[in-house]
Structures are given as structure tokens and as C-alpha cells.
N, C-alpha and C. Protein backbone atom coordinates (compact mmCIF):
# COMPACT_ATOMS: atom_id res chain seq x y z
N UNK A 1 -15.27 61.64 -21.09
CA UNK A 1 -13.98 61.54 -21.74
C UNK A 1 -13.25 62.88 -21.63
N UNK A 2 -14.01 63.93 -21.79
CA UNK A 2 -13.42 65.28 -21.71
C UNK A 2 -12.93 65.55 -20.29
N UNK A 3 -13.67 65.05 -19.30
CA UNK A 3 -13.26 65.25 -17.90
C UNK A 3 -11.94 64.55 -17.61
N UNK A 4 -11.78 63.37 -18.20
CA UNK A 4 -10.56 62.60 -18.00
C UNK A 4 -9.35 63.35 -18.56
N UNK A 5 -9.53 63.99 -19.73
CA UNK A 5 -8.43 64.75 -20.33
C UNK A 5 -8.07 65.95 -19.46
N UNK A 6 -9.08 66.61 -18.90
CA UNK A 6 -8.82 67.77 -18.04
C UNK A 6 -8.08 67.33 -16.78
N UNK A 7 -8.49 66.22 -16.19
CA UNK A 7 -7.86 65.69 -14.97
C UNK A 7 -6.40 65.32 -15.24
N UNK A 8 -6.15 64.70 -16.39
CA UNK A 8 -4.78 64.32 -16.74
C UNK A 8 -3.91 65.57 -16.92
N UNK A 9 -4.45 66.59 -17.55
CA UNK A 9 -3.69 67.83 -17.74
C UNK A 9 -3.38 68.51 -16.41
N UNK A 10 -4.34 68.47 -15.48
CA UNK A 10 -4.10 69.06 -14.15
C UNK A 10 -2.98 68.30 -13.43
N UNK A 11 -2.99 66.96 -13.55
CA UNK A 11 -1.96 66.15 -12.89
C UNK A 11 -0.58 66.40 -13.48
N UNK A 12 -0.52 66.63 -14.82
CA UNK A 12 0.77 66.90 -15.46
C UNK A 12 1.40 68.18 -14.92
N UNK A 13 0.57 69.17 -14.68
CA UNK A 13 1.07 70.47 -14.25
C UNK A 13 1.13 70.61 -12.73
N UNK A 14 0.68 69.60 -12.00
CA UNK A 14 0.63 69.67 -10.54
C UNK A 14 2.00 69.40 -9.93
N UNK A 15 2.35 70.11 -8.82
CA UNK A 15 3.63 69.84 -8.15
C UNK A 15 3.59 68.50 -7.37
N UNK A 16 2.41 67.95 -7.11
CA UNK A 16 2.28 66.70 -6.36
C UNK A 16 2.18 65.47 -7.27
N UNK A 17 2.55 65.63 -8.53
CA UNK A 17 2.39 64.50 -9.46
C UNK A 17 3.27 63.31 -9.08
N UNK A 18 4.41 63.54 -8.45
CA UNK A 18 5.27 62.43 -8.04
C UNK A 18 4.58 61.63 -6.92
N UNK A 19 3.98 62.32 -5.96
CA UNK A 19 3.27 61.63 -4.88
C UNK A 19 2.10 60.83 -5.44
N UNK A 20 1.40 61.41 -6.37
CA UNK A 20 0.26 60.73 -6.98
C UNK A 20 0.71 59.46 -7.72
N UNK A 21 1.83 59.56 -8.44
CA UNK A 21 2.35 58.40 -9.18
C UNK A 21 2.74 57.28 -8.22
N UNK A 22 3.34 57.62 -7.08
CA UNK A 22 3.75 56.62 -6.10
C UNK A 22 2.52 55.94 -5.50
N UNK A 23 1.51 56.75 -5.15
CA UNK A 23 0.28 56.20 -4.58
C UNK A 23 -0.42 55.30 -5.60
N UNK A 24 -0.48 55.74 -6.84
CA UNK A 24 -1.11 54.96 -7.89
C UNK A 24 -0.36 53.64 -8.11
N UNK A 25 0.96 53.66 -8.08
CA UNK A 25 1.77 52.45 -8.22
C UNK A 25 1.53 51.49 -7.05
N UNK A 26 1.47 52.03 -5.83
CA UNK A 26 1.23 51.20 -4.65
C UNK A 26 -0.15 50.53 -4.72
N UNK A 27 -1.15 51.28 -5.18
CA UNK A 27 -2.50 50.72 -5.33
C UNK A 27 -2.48 49.60 -6.37
N UNK A 28 -1.75 49.79 -7.46
CA UNK A 28 -1.64 48.76 -8.49
C UNK A 28 -0.99 47.49 -7.96
N UNK A 29 0.09 47.64 -7.20
CA UNK A 29 0.77 46.48 -6.62
C UNK A 29 -0.15 45.77 -5.64
N UNK A 30 -0.88 46.54 -4.84
CA UNK A 30 -1.81 45.96 -3.88
C UNK A 30 -2.90 45.16 -4.58
N UNK A 31 -3.41 45.67 -5.68
CA UNK A 31 -4.44 44.94 -6.45
C UNK A 31 -3.89 43.64 -7.03
N UNK A 32 -2.65 43.68 -7.51
CA UNK A 32 -2.03 42.47 -8.05
C UNK A 32 -1.86 41.43 -6.95
N UNK A 33 -1.40 41.85 -5.77
CA UNK A 33 -1.23 40.92 -4.65
C UNK A 33 -2.57 40.36 -4.21
N UNK A 34 -3.59 41.20 -4.21
CA UNK A 34 -4.92 40.76 -3.81
C UNK A 34 -5.47 39.72 -4.78
N UNK A 35 -5.21 39.90 -6.07
CA UNK A 35 -5.70 38.94 -7.06
C UNK A 35 -5.02 37.59 -6.92
N UNK A 36 -3.80 37.54 -6.42
CA UNK A 36 -3.10 36.27 -6.20
C UNK A 36 -3.64 35.55 -4.97
N UNK A 37 -4.06 36.31 -3.96
CA UNK A 37 -4.55 35.73 -2.71
C UNK A 37 -5.97 35.21 -2.86
N UNK A 38 -6.84 35.97 -3.49
CA UNK A 38 -8.24 35.58 -3.64
C UNK A 38 -8.38 34.44 -4.65
N UNK A 39 -9.24 33.47 -4.39
CA UNK A 39 -9.42 32.36 -5.33
C UNK A 39 -10.15 32.84 -6.58
N UNK A 40 -9.91 32.08 -7.67
CA UNK A 40 -10.60 32.40 -8.92
C UNK A 40 -12.09 32.16 -8.74
N UNK A 41 -12.89 33.05 -9.30
CA UNK A 41 -14.33 32.87 -9.20
C UNK A 41 -14.82 31.82 -10.21
N UNK A 42 -14.04 31.59 -11.27
CA UNK A 42 -14.41 30.61 -12.29
C UNK A 42 -13.36 29.51 -12.29
N UNK A 43 -13.68 28.34 -11.74
CA UNK A 43 -12.72 27.24 -11.77
C UNK A 43 -12.51 26.74 -13.19
N UNK A 44 -11.38 26.10 -13.42
CA UNK A 44 -11.06 25.56 -14.73
C UNK A 44 -11.99 24.39 -15.02
N UNK A 45 -12.93 24.60 -15.94
CA UNK A 45 -13.98 23.61 -16.20
C UNK A 45 -13.42 22.34 -16.82
N UNK A 46 -12.38 22.45 -17.64
CA UNK A 46 -11.86 21.26 -18.30
C UNK A 46 -11.27 20.29 -17.28
N UNK A 47 -10.49 20.77 -16.32
CA UNK A 47 -9.92 19.89 -15.31
C UNK A 47 -11.01 19.30 -14.43
N UNK A 48 -12.02 20.10 -14.09
CA UNK A 48 -13.11 19.60 -13.26
C UNK A 48 -13.87 18.49 -13.97
N UNK A 49 -14.11 18.66 -15.27
CA UNK A 49 -14.83 17.64 -16.02
C UNK A 49 -14.04 16.34 -16.10
N UNK A 50 -12.74 16.43 -16.33
CA UNK A 50 -11.90 15.25 -16.41
C UNK A 50 -11.87 14.54 -15.07
N UNK A 51 -11.68 15.29 -14.01
CA UNK A 51 -11.63 14.70 -12.68
C UNK A 51 -12.97 14.07 -12.32
N UNK A 52 -14.05 14.75 -12.64
CA UNK A 52 -15.38 14.23 -12.34
C UNK A 52 -15.63 12.95 -13.12
N UNK A 53 -15.24 12.92 -14.39
CA UNK A 53 -15.43 11.73 -15.21
C UNK A 53 -14.66 10.55 -14.64
N UNK A 54 -13.39 10.78 -14.25
CA UNK A 54 -12.59 9.70 -13.67
C UNK A 54 -13.20 9.21 -12.37
N UNK A 55 -13.64 10.13 -11.53
CA UNK A 55 -14.25 9.76 -10.26
C UNK A 55 -15.55 9.01 -10.50
N UNK A 56 -16.36 9.48 -11.45
CA UNK A 56 -17.62 8.81 -11.76
C UNK A 56 -17.39 7.39 -12.26
N UNK A 57 -16.40 7.20 -13.12
CA UNK A 57 -16.13 5.86 -13.65
C UNK A 57 -15.67 4.92 -12.54
N UNK A 58 -14.78 5.40 -11.66
CA UNK A 58 -14.31 4.57 -10.55
C UNK A 58 -15.47 4.27 -9.60
N UNK A 59 -16.32 5.26 -9.36
CA UNK A 59 -17.48 5.06 -8.48
C UNK A 59 -18.47 4.08 -9.10
N UNK A 60 -18.70 4.20 -10.40
CA UNK A 60 -19.58 3.25 -11.09
C UNK A 60 -19.03 1.83 -11.00
N UNK A 61 -17.72 1.69 -11.20
CA UNK A 61 -17.09 0.37 -11.11
C UNK A 61 -17.26 -0.20 -9.70
N UNK A 62 -17.04 0.63 -8.69
CA UNK A 62 -17.18 0.20 -7.30
C UNK A 62 -18.60 -0.25 -7.01
N UNK A 63 -19.59 0.55 -7.41
CA UNK A 63 -21.00 0.21 -7.16
C UNK A 63 -21.40 -1.06 -7.90
N UNK A 64 -20.95 -1.21 -9.12
CA UNK A 64 -21.28 -2.41 -9.90
C UNK A 64 -20.66 -3.65 -9.24
N UNK A 65 -19.44 -3.52 -8.77
CA UNK A 65 -18.78 -4.65 -8.09
C UNK A 65 -19.50 -5.00 -6.81
N UNK A 66 -19.91 -4.00 -6.05
CA UNK A 66 -20.66 -4.25 -4.82
C UNK A 66 -21.97 -4.99 -5.11
N UNK A 67 -22.68 -4.56 -6.13
CA UNK A 67 -23.97 -5.18 -6.48
C UNK A 67 -23.77 -6.63 -6.92
N UNK A 68 -22.76 -6.86 -7.76
CA UNK A 68 -22.52 -8.23 -8.23
C UNK A 68 -22.12 -9.14 -7.06
N UNK A 69 -21.29 -8.65 -6.15
CA UNK A 69 -20.91 -9.44 -4.99
C UNK A 69 -22.11 -9.74 -4.10
N UNK A 70 -22.96 -8.75 -3.91
CA UNK A 70 -24.16 -8.93 -3.08
C UNK A 70 -25.03 -10.05 -3.65
N UNK A 71 -25.28 -9.99 -4.97
CA UNK A 71 -26.10 -11.01 -5.62
C UNK A 71 -25.45 -12.39 -5.49
N UNK A 72 -24.14 -12.46 -5.63
CA UNK A 72 -23.43 -13.73 -5.54
C UNK A 72 -23.47 -14.28 -4.12
N UNK A 73 -23.13 -13.46 -3.15
CA UNK A 73 -23.02 -13.93 -1.77
C UNK A 73 -24.36 -14.33 -1.17
N UNK A 74 -25.42 -13.64 -1.53
CA UNK A 74 -26.73 -13.96 -0.97
C UNK A 74 -27.25 -15.31 -1.47
N UNK A 75 -26.60 -15.87 -2.49
CA UNK A 75 -26.97 -17.20 -2.98
C UNK A 75 -26.24 -18.31 -2.22
N UNK A 76 -25.21 -17.97 -1.47
CA UNK A 76 -24.46 -18.98 -0.71
C UNK A 76 -25.27 -19.37 0.51
N UNK A 77 -25.35 -20.66 0.77
CA UNK A 77 -26.13 -21.19 1.88
C UNK A 77 -25.62 -20.64 3.21
N UNK A 78 -26.51 -20.05 3.99
CA UNK A 78 -26.19 -19.56 5.32
C UNK A 78 -25.79 -18.10 5.38
N UNK A 79 -25.54 -17.46 4.24
CA UNK A 79 -25.10 -16.06 4.25
C UNK A 79 -26.25 -15.14 4.62
N UNK A 80 -27.39 -15.31 4.01
CA UNK A 80 -28.53 -14.44 4.26
C UNK A 80 -28.34 -13.09 3.60
N UNK A 81 -29.04 -12.10 4.12
CA UNK A 81 -28.96 -10.74 3.57
C UNK A 81 -27.62 -10.13 3.95
N UNK A 82 -27.02 -9.38 3.02
CA UNK A 82 -25.71 -8.79 3.32
C UNK A 82 -25.57 -7.39 2.75
N UNK A 83 -24.66 -6.66 3.36
CA UNK A 83 -24.26 -5.32 2.91
C UNK A 83 -22.78 -5.40 2.57
N UNK A 84 -22.38 -4.74 1.48
CA UNK A 84 -21.00 -4.85 1.02
C UNK A 84 -20.43 -3.46 0.74
N UNK A 85 -19.18 -3.26 1.14
CA UNK A 85 -18.46 -2.03 0.82
C UNK A 85 -17.14 -2.43 0.16
N UNK A 86 -16.91 -1.90 -1.03
CA UNK A 86 -15.70 -2.20 -1.78
C UNK A 86 -14.87 -0.92 -1.86
N UNK A 87 -13.57 -1.05 -1.59
CA UNK A 87 -12.63 0.08 -1.74
C UNK A 87 -11.80 -0.16 -3.00
N UNK A 88 -11.64 0.89 -3.81
CA UNK A 88 -10.85 0.77 -5.03
C UNK A 88 -9.72 1.79 -5.05
N UNK A 89 -8.65 1.44 -5.75
CA UNK A 89 -7.52 2.34 -5.96
C UNK A 89 -7.44 2.66 -7.44
N UNK A 90 -7.14 3.90 -7.76
CA UNK A 90 -6.93 4.29 -9.14
C UNK A 90 -8.22 4.63 -9.85
N UNK A 91 -8.07 4.84 -11.15
CA UNK A 91 -9.20 5.20 -12.00
C UNK A 91 -9.19 4.30 -13.23
N UNK A 92 -10.22 4.41 -14.04
CA UNK A 92 -10.27 3.66 -15.28
C UNK A 92 -9.26 4.27 -16.24
N UNK A 93 -8.46 3.41 -16.85
CA UNK A 93 -7.42 3.87 -17.77
C UNK A 93 -7.65 3.24 -19.14
N UNK A 94 -7.51 4.04 -20.19
CA UNK A 94 -7.72 3.55 -21.54
C UNK A 94 -6.38 3.49 -22.27
N UNK A 95 -6.12 2.36 -22.92
CA UNK A 95 -4.93 2.20 -23.74
C UNK A 95 -5.41 2.19 -25.18
N UNK A 96 -4.89 3.12 -25.97
CA UNK A 96 -5.35 3.28 -27.34
C UNK A 96 -4.46 2.52 -28.32
N UNK A 97 -5.07 2.04 -29.40
CA UNK A 97 -4.33 1.35 -30.45
C UNK A 97 -3.47 2.36 -31.19
N UNK A 98 -2.25 1.93 -31.50
CA UNK A 98 -1.32 2.81 -32.21
C UNK A 98 -0.82 2.14 -33.47
N UNK A 99 -0.62 2.94 -34.48
CA UNK A 99 -0.02 2.47 -35.72
C UNK A 99 1.45 2.88 -35.66
N UNK A 100 2.33 1.89 -35.71
CA UNK A 100 3.75 2.16 -35.60
C UNK A 100 4.38 1.96 -36.97
N UNK A 101 5.05 3.00 -37.43
CA UNK A 101 5.73 2.94 -38.72
C UNK A 101 7.23 3.04 -38.48
N UNK A 102 7.98 2.17 -39.12
CA UNK A 102 9.44 2.19 -38.99
C UNK A 102 10.02 2.59 -40.34
N UNK A 103 10.94 3.53 -40.29
CA UNK A 103 11.61 3.92 -41.51
C UNK A 103 13.07 4.23 -41.19
N UNK A 104 13.88 4.18 -42.22
CA UNK A 104 15.31 4.42 -42.06
C UNK A 104 15.62 5.84 -42.48
N UNK A 105 16.29 6.55 -41.60
CA UNK A 105 16.71 7.92 -41.88
C UNK A 105 18.16 7.87 -42.34
N UNK A 106 18.38 8.15 -43.60
CA UNK A 106 19.74 8.09 -44.12
C UNK A 106 20.36 9.47 -44.04
N UNK A 107 21.10 9.66 -42.97
CA UNK A 107 21.80 10.91 -42.74
C UNK A 107 23.12 10.84 -43.52
N UNK A 108 23.81 11.93 -43.61
CA UNK A 108 25.06 11.93 -44.37
C UNK A 108 26.12 11.05 -43.73
N UNK A 109 26.19 11.01 -42.41
CA UNK A 109 27.23 10.24 -41.74
C UNK A 109 26.79 8.83 -41.37
N UNK A 110 25.53 8.63 -41.01
CA UNK A 110 25.10 7.32 -40.52
C UNK A 110 23.64 7.05 -40.87
N UNK A 111 23.28 5.78 -40.78
CA UNK A 111 21.89 5.36 -40.99
C UNK A 111 21.29 5.11 -39.62
N UNK A 112 20.01 5.44 -39.45
CA UNK A 112 19.34 5.15 -38.18
C UNK A 112 17.86 4.83 -38.45
N UNK A 113 17.35 3.92 -37.63
CA UNK A 113 15.94 3.56 -37.73
C UNK A 113 15.12 4.53 -36.90
N UNK A 114 14.01 4.97 -37.43
CA UNK A 114 13.10 5.89 -36.74
C UNK A 114 11.73 5.22 -36.63
N UNK A 115 11.02 5.56 -35.56
CA UNK A 115 9.67 5.05 -35.36
C UNK A 115 8.70 6.21 -35.30
N UNK A 116 7.59 6.04 -35.96
CA UNK A 116 6.48 6.99 -35.87
C UNK A 116 5.31 6.27 -35.22
N UNK A 117 4.75 6.85 -34.18
CA UNK A 117 3.60 6.25 -33.50
C UNK A 117 2.42 7.19 -33.65
N UNK A 118 1.36 6.69 -34.27
CA UNK A 118 0.14 7.47 -34.45
C UNK A 118 -1.03 6.69 -33.85
N UNK A 119 -1.92 7.39 -33.14
CA UNK A 119 -3.10 6.77 -32.59
C UNK A 119 -4.05 6.43 -33.73
N UNK A 120 -4.61 5.23 -33.70
CA UNK A 120 -5.53 4.77 -34.74
C UNK A 120 -6.89 5.40 -34.49
N UNK A 121 -7.42 6.07 -35.51
CA UNK A 121 -8.73 6.70 -35.41
C UNK A 121 -9.74 5.91 -36.24
N UNK A 122 -10.95 5.77 -35.69
CA UNK A 122 -12.03 5.13 -36.43
C UNK A 122 -13.20 6.09 -36.50
N UNK A 123 -13.97 5.96 -37.57
CA UNK A 123 -15.13 6.84 -37.71
C UNK A 123 -16.35 6.16 -37.09
N UNK A 124 -17.03 6.91 -36.23
CA UNK A 124 -18.20 6.38 -35.54
C UNK A 124 -19.29 7.44 -35.56
N UNK A 125 -20.35 7.18 -36.31
CA UNK A 125 -21.47 8.12 -36.44
C UNK A 125 -21.02 9.50 -36.91
N UNK A 126 -20.12 9.53 -37.85
CA UNK A 126 -19.70 10.79 -38.43
C UNK A 126 -18.59 11.50 -37.67
N UNK A 127 -18.18 10.99 -36.53
CA UNK A 127 -17.08 11.63 -35.79
C UNK A 127 -15.94 10.63 -35.64
N UNK A 128 -14.72 11.15 -35.61
CA UNK A 128 -13.55 10.29 -35.46
C UNK A 128 -13.22 10.14 -33.99
N UNK A 129 -12.95 8.88 -33.60
CA UNK A 129 -12.60 8.57 -32.22
C UNK A 129 -11.39 7.66 -32.21
N UNK A 130 -10.60 7.76 -31.14
CA UNK A 130 -9.45 6.88 -30.99
C UNK A 130 -9.94 5.47 -30.71
N UNK A 131 -9.26 4.49 -31.30
CA UNK A 131 -9.62 3.08 -31.12
C UNK A 131 -9.03 2.60 -29.79
N UNK A 132 -9.92 2.17 -28.89
CA UNK A 132 -9.49 1.70 -27.57
C UNK A 132 -9.04 0.25 -27.71
N UNK A 133 -7.81 -0.02 -27.32
CA UNK A 133 -7.26 -1.37 -27.39
C UNK A 133 -7.52 -2.14 -26.11
N UNK A 134 -7.46 -1.43 -24.97
CA UNK A 134 -7.64 -2.09 -23.69
C UNK A 134 -8.13 -1.08 -22.67
N UNK A 135 -9.01 -1.53 -21.77
CA UNK A 135 -9.49 -0.71 -20.67
C UNK A 135 -8.99 -1.34 -19.38
N UNK A 136 -8.26 -0.55 -18.59
CA UNK A 136 -7.74 -1.04 -17.32
C UNK A 136 -8.62 -0.48 -16.21
N UNK A 137 -9.30 -1.35 -15.51
CA UNK A 137 -10.22 -0.95 -14.44
C UNK A 137 -9.44 -0.64 -13.16
N UNK A 138 -10.08 0.12 -12.24
CA UNK A 138 -9.44 0.36 -10.94
C UNK A 138 -9.22 -0.97 -10.21
N UNK A 139 -8.25 -0.99 -9.33
CA UNK A 139 -7.93 -2.20 -8.57
C UNK A 139 -8.71 -2.21 -7.26
N UNK A 140 -9.30 -3.35 -6.93
CA UNK A 140 -10.00 -3.50 -5.66
C UNK A 140 -8.95 -3.63 -4.57
N UNK A 141 -9.03 -2.77 -3.55
CA UNK A 141 -8.03 -2.81 -2.48
C UNK A 141 -8.57 -3.44 -1.21
N UNK A 142 -9.87 -3.53 -1.06
CA UNK A 142 -10.43 -4.15 0.13
C UNK A 142 -11.94 -4.29 0.04
N UNK A 143 -12.48 -5.26 0.81
CA UNK A 143 -13.92 -5.51 0.81
C UNK A 143 -14.35 -5.78 2.25
N UNK A 144 -15.44 -5.13 2.66
CA UNK A 144 -16.05 -5.40 3.96
C UNK A 144 -17.45 -5.95 3.68
N UNK A 145 -17.76 -7.08 4.33
CA UNK A 145 -19.06 -7.72 4.15
C UNK A 145 -19.70 -7.89 5.52
N UNK A 146 -20.91 -7.38 5.65
CA UNK A 146 -21.69 -7.57 6.87
C UNK A 146 -22.90 -8.40 6.45
N UNK A 147 -22.98 -9.64 6.99
CA UNK A 147 -24.07 -10.52 6.58
C UNK A 147 -24.65 -11.25 7.79
N UNK A 148 -25.86 -11.74 7.60
CA UNK A 148 -26.57 -12.43 8.68
C UNK A 148 -25.81 -13.66 9.17
N UNK A 149 -25.17 -14.40 8.29
CA UNK A 149 -24.46 -15.62 8.67
C UNK A 149 -23.00 -15.39 8.99
N UNK A 150 -22.56 -14.14 9.08
CA UNK A 150 -21.15 -13.84 9.30
C UNK A 150 -20.59 -14.32 10.63
N UNK A 151 -21.47 -14.63 11.60
CA UNK A 151 -21.01 -15.13 12.89
C UNK A 151 -20.61 -16.59 12.86
N UNK A 152 -21.08 -17.33 11.89
CA UNK A 152 -20.75 -18.75 11.75
C UNK A 152 -19.41 -18.88 11.02
N UNK A 153 -18.46 -19.56 11.63
CA UNK A 153 -17.12 -19.66 11.08
C UNK A 153 -17.08 -20.34 9.72
N UNK A 154 -17.97 -21.32 9.49
CA UNK A 154 -18.01 -22.01 8.20
C UNK A 154 -18.52 -21.08 7.10
N UNK A 155 -19.57 -20.34 7.41
CA UNK A 155 -20.10 -19.37 6.44
C UNK A 155 -19.06 -18.29 6.17
N UNK A 156 -18.42 -17.83 7.23
CA UNK A 156 -17.39 -16.80 7.13
C UNK A 156 -16.29 -17.26 6.17
N UNK A 157 -15.83 -18.47 6.31
CA UNK A 157 -14.77 -19.01 5.45
C UNK A 157 -15.23 -19.11 4.00
N UNK A 158 -16.45 -19.56 3.78
CA UNK A 158 -16.97 -19.67 2.41
C UNK A 158 -17.07 -18.30 1.75
N UNK A 159 -17.51 -17.30 2.53
CA UNK A 159 -17.61 -15.94 1.99
C UNK A 159 -16.22 -15.40 1.66
N UNK A 160 -15.26 -15.60 2.55
CA UNK A 160 -13.88 -15.16 2.28
C UNK A 160 -13.34 -15.76 1.00
N UNK A 161 -13.51 -17.06 0.83
CA UNK A 161 -12.99 -17.73 -0.37
C UNK A 161 -13.71 -17.27 -1.62
N UNK A 162 -15.02 -17.10 -1.54
CA UNK A 162 -15.79 -16.66 -2.71
C UNK A 162 -15.36 -15.27 -3.16
N UNK A 163 -15.22 -14.35 -2.22
CA UNK A 163 -14.86 -12.97 -2.58
C UNK A 163 -13.42 -12.90 -3.08
N UNK A 164 -12.50 -13.57 -2.39
CA UNK A 164 -11.10 -13.50 -2.83
C UNK A 164 -10.92 -14.15 -4.21
N UNK A 165 -11.69 -15.19 -4.50
CA UNK A 165 -11.62 -15.82 -5.82
C UNK A 165 -12.28 -14.94 -6.88
N UNK A 166 -13.44 -14.41 -6.58
CA UNK A 166 -14.18 -13.60 -7.56
C UNK A 166 -13.41 -12.33 -7.95
N UNK A 167 -12.74 -11.71 -6.98
CA UNK A 167 -12.05 -10.45 -7.25
C UNK A 167 -10.55 -10.61 -7.43
N UNK A 168 -10.06 -11.84 -7.27
CA UNK A 168 -8.63 -12.13 -7.40
C UNK A 168 -7.80 -11.26 -6.44
N UNK A 169 -8.23 -11.23 -5.17
CA UNK A 169 -7.49 -10.52 -4.14
C UNK A 169 -7.24 -11.49 -2.98
N UNK A 170 -6.27 -11.17 -2.14
CA UNK A 170 -5.96 -12.05 -1.01
C UNK A 170 -7.09 -11.97 0.02
N UNK A 171 -7.24 -13.06 0.77
CA UNK A 171 -8.29 -13.08 1.79
C UNK A 171 -8.00 -12.09 2.91
N UNK A 172 -6.77 -11.64 3.01
CA UNK A 172 -6.42 -10.61 4.00
C UNK A 172 -7.04 -9.26 3.70
N UNK A 173 -7.51 -9.08 2.50
CA UNK A 173 -8.16 -7.83 2.10
C UNK A 173 -9.68 -7.90 2.21
N UNK A 174 -10.15 -9.02 2.74
CA UNK A 174 -11.61 -9.22 2.88
C UNK A 174 -11.92 -9.39 4.36
N UNK A 175 -12.94 -8.66 4.82
CA UNK A 175 -13.35 -8.77 6.21
C UNK A 175 -14.84 -9.09 6.24
N UNK A 176 -15.20 -10.13 6.97
CA UNK A 176 -16.60 -10.57 7.08
C UNK A 176 -17.02 -10.45 8.53
N UNK A 177 -18.19 -9.87 8.73
CA UNK A 177 -18.72 -9.65 10.09
C UNK A 177 -20.20 -10.01 10.10
N UNK A 178 -20.67 -10.44 11.29
CA UNK A 178 -22.08 -10.77 11.46
C UNK A 178 -22.91 -9.50 11.52
N UNK A 179 -24.10 -9.56 10.94
CA UNK A 179 -25.03 -8.43 10.96
C UNK A 179 -25.67 -8.33 12.33
N UNK A 180 -25.80 -7.12 12.83
CA UNK A 180 -26.42 -6.88 14.14
C UNK A 180 -27.89 -7.24 14.05
N UNK A 181 -28.38 -7.88 15.07
CA UNK A 181 -29.79 -8.30 15.07
C UNK A 181 -30.65 -7.35 15.83
């Protein structure tokens, strides 16, 4: 600490103090520019967790849909063993229950109706959570099915109809192919 005070006093009395100040300022600006260019070493954990959760839920939905379709299709006569790939759009979305209160605001000049919307909270195991009114799942955008009976046009048609009916999608979004032997 004492050395720092001596160094500062020498700089105050030095004829080159202006040059030193300019160099010190340039180094400071360079460090600021460098910090903007280099990526953060610690990513924002909250955004990563949210994104990971959304991706995990969509991935879980996709895998569950694939498994259910596989079990269903393998029961259809002539299909045989099959592999399924489902493509989804979006993520799982939660719609929360809201308590809406209407009241009249009597201002000096006019009356107006006001609405207050509050999310309904319920107590669950000692913690309060928002009451989920509806869960909106990701939308299935396409399905590819590779099955042993996919080469037979009758089996192919039955698979197309079963998948489009089960997932409520057009048959144009479903592709059925024969499994390589």
C-alpha cells in the first residue's frame, strides 16, 4: 500500500504524467472493447434452464407419441415391426386460471369499468403454485413410418389413415415406406 502511494506521488510530479494518463485511458478502452468481444464465461443459468425445460417437454411429448404410434401400428394386420419419427412444432404451453374482478372507477368527470386479473394460486404441500387451467401440447407437423408391410399399398393406406386419424393431421404429413430387408 505504501509503494502505491509513493508511485502515485511520483506520477503527480512527473513531466510525463499526461502521456501516462493517455496510455492508461487507451488500455482501459481496449479492455472494455475486449470484454464485449469475448463471450461470457458464465452463461445465464435461468434462461438455459427455461429453454432446457421447454425442449425436454417437447422431446418427451415427441418420444411418447412415437412410442404410442409404434404400439398402435404394430397391431395392424400386415404392418409388422416399424420405426417411427415424429416432428413437432412449438413447446408445451400452460394457461393459468385467473380471477377477474370488475369494479367501477368513479372519476370526477366520468365513470369507467376496470378489470383486475390475478392468477389463482393453490397451496400444494406447503408451497403456493399457480392453478393450471389448460396445457397446450406441441403440434405434430409430420410423421415418417418405416415398416415391414410398407411396400403393400393396402397396408400403406391403412397406416396412413390410422396415423392421420390418431394425430388429427392430414395424410399429406404422413409418409410410409417399406423397411429394407
